[in-house]
Amino acid sequence: MRILIVESDAALARIWRRHLERQGAEVSVTQSEAEAVAALDGASVDIIVLDLVLDGGGAFAVADVARYRHPAARVIFVTNTTFFSDGSIFHYIPNACAFLPTATPPEDLAAVIDHYSVGQ
């Protein structure tokens, strides 16, 4: 399974990456919209873990590019805000499959990724 993590907090991304790699996933990490778009241009991706509030750019742009370049890829949004806590993100972003707090333990994030990667 190929996972792209798009997270501005490098320490948090590192924790997630290490946990997912221990479970056998191939993981790439980017910290901005530009880096994520470049990564989506070159490699195949099954799951994208995408921070809703990126320091360098917009998460919606990344999700749009992913939908165009990798239509089967699922997006798991993470956030430390209450934006879209009503679930409306699923209305705006068709490839969104989950919406989690950034404080979600790595093992729970891995379980959600595993759930949505079935058949990938």
Protein backbone atom coordinates (compact mmCIF):
# COMPACT_ATOMS: atom_id res chain seq x y z
CA MET A 1 0.00 0.00 0.00
CA ARG A 2 1.30 3.45 -0.95
CA ILE A 3 0.47 6.32 1.39
CA LEU A 4 1.14 10.02 1.02
CA ILE A 5 1.11 12.05 4.23
CA VAL A 6 0.63 15.80 3.74
CA GLU A 7 1.27 17.37 7.13
CA SER A 8 2.93 20.67 8.07
CA ASP A 9 3.99 19.36 11.49
CA ALA A 10 7.12 17.36 10.64
CA ALA A 11 7.27 15.64 14.04
CA LEU A 12 3.69 14.39 13.77
CA ALA A 13 4.22 13.22 10.18
CA ARG A 14 7.34 11.34 11.31
CA ILE A 15 5.37 9.51 14.04
CA TRP A 16 2.67 8.48 11.56
CA ARG A 17 5.21 7.49 8.94
CA ARG A 18 7.20 5.26 11.28
CA HIS A 19 4.09 3.51 12.53
CA LEU A 20 2.76 2.88 9.02
CA GLU A 21 6.12 1.69 7.71
CA ARG A 22 6.35 -0.82 10.56
CA GLN A 23 3.08 -2.22 9.25
CA GLY A 24 4.53 -2.63 5.77
CA ALA A 25 3.24 0.49 4.02
CA GLU A 26 5.29 2.51 1.56
CA VAL A 27 5.03 6.07 2.92
CA SER A 28 5.98 9.46 1.48
CA VAL A 29 5.74 12.69 3.45
CA THR A 30 5.25 16.23 2.18
CA GLN A 31 4.66 19.41 4.15
CA SER A 32 3.01 21.78 1.69
CA GLU A 33 0.59 21.98 -1.20
CA ALA A 34 3.42 22.38 -3.73
CA GLU A 35 5.34 19.37 -2.40
CA ALA A 36 2.18 17.25 -2.34
CA VAL A 37 1.21 18.17 -5.90
CA ALA A 38 4.73 17.31 -7.08
CA ALA A 39 4.54 13.96 -5.27
CA LEU A 40 1.17 13.20 -6.85
CA ASP A 41 2.64 13.93 -10.27
CA GLY A 42 5.27 11.24 -10.04
CA ALA A 43 4.16 8.32 -7.90
CA SER A 44 1.17 6.09 -7.51
CA VAL A 45 -0.82 6.65 -4.31
CA ASP A 46 -3.55 4.57 -2.66
CA ILE A 47 -4.29 6.67 0.44
CA ILE A 48 -3.59 10.32 1.25
CA VAL A 49 -3.51 11.51 4.86
CA LEU A 50 -4.08 15.23 4.43
CA ASP A 51 -4.04 17.96 7.06
CA LEU A 52 -7.02 20.22 6.46
CA VAL A 53 -5.05 23.31 7.48
CA LEU A 54 -1.66 23.26 5.76
CA ASP A 55 0.91 25.92 6.57
CA GLY A 56 2.03 25.96 2.94
CA GLY A 57 -1.04 25.99 0.71
CA GLY A 58 -4.49 24.50 0.54
CA ALA A 59 -5.67 21.00 1.32
CA PHE A 60 -8.60 21.28 -1.09
CA ALA A 61 -6.19 21.89 -3.98
CA VAL A 62 -4.24 18.78 -3.04
CA ALA A 63 -7.44 16.71 -2.87
CA ASP A 64 -8.50 18.07 -6.28
CA VAL A 65 -5.20 17.16 -7.89
CA ALA A 66 -5.37 13.72 -6.30
CA ARG A 67 -8.86 13.17 -7.67
CA TYR A 68 -7.68 14.05 -11.17
CA ARG A 69 -4.33 12.20 -11.17
CA HIS A 70 -5.25 9.26 -8.93
CA PRO A 71 -9.03 8.81 -9.07
CA ALA A 72 -9.00 5.64 -6.96
CA ALA A 73 -6.97 7.22 -4.14
CA ARG A 74 -8.89 7.92 -0.95
CA VAL A 75 -8.27 11.01 1.19
CA ILE A 76 -8.29 10.87 4.97
CA PHE A 77 -8.47 14.39 6.34
CA VAL A 78 -6.94 15.20 9.71
CA THR A 79 -7.30 18.46 11.59
CA ASN A 80 -6.88 20.12 14.94
CA THR A 81 -9.75 22.55 14.23
CA THR A 82 -13.53 22.31 14.28
CA PHE A 83 -13.91 23.26 10.60
CA PHE A 84 -16.22 20.80 8.84
CA SER A 85 -17.03 19.02 12.11
CA ASP A 86 -20.56 18.75 10.73
CA GLY A 87 -19.34 16.31 8.05
CA SER A 88 -19.86 18.73 5.17
CA ILE A 89 -16.35 18.05 3.92
CA PHE A 90 -17.73 14.88 2.33
CA HIS A 91 -20.06 17.07 0.28
CA TYR A 92 -17.23 19.25 -1.03
CA ILE A 93 -14.48 16.66 -1.51
CA PRO A 94 -15.74 13.52 -3.28
CA ASN A 95 -12.58 11.49 -2.60
CA ALA A 96 -12.71 12.17 1.16
CA CYS A 97 -13.41 9.00 3.10
CA ALA A 98 -12.63 9.96 6.72
CA PHE A 99 -12.22 13.03 8.91
CA LEU A 100 -10.12 12.58 12.06
CA PRO A 101 -8.53 14.78 14.73
CA THR A 102 -4.75 15.10 14.46
CA ALA A 103 -4.59 13.72 18.00
CA THR A 104 -5.82 10.34 16.75
CA PRO A 105 -3.36 7.68 17.97
CA PRO A 106 -1.15 6.29 15.17
CA GLU A 107 -2.56 2.79 15.60
CA ASP A 108 -6.11 4.11 15.11
CA LEU A 109 -5.04 6.08 12.02
CA ALA A 110 -3.44 2.90 10.70
CA ALA A 111 -6.68 0.97 11.28
CA VAL A 112 -8.68 3.59 9.34
CA ILE A 113 -6.12 3.49 6.53
CA ASP A 114 -6.29 -0.29 6.46
CA HIS A 115 -10.09 -0.17 6.32
CA TYR A 116 -10.17 2.20 3.35
CA SER A 117 -7.33 0.53 1.48
CA VAL A 118 -9.14 -2.79 1.14
CA GLY A 119 -9.22 -3.61 -2.55
CA GLN A 120 -6.50 -1.07 -3.37
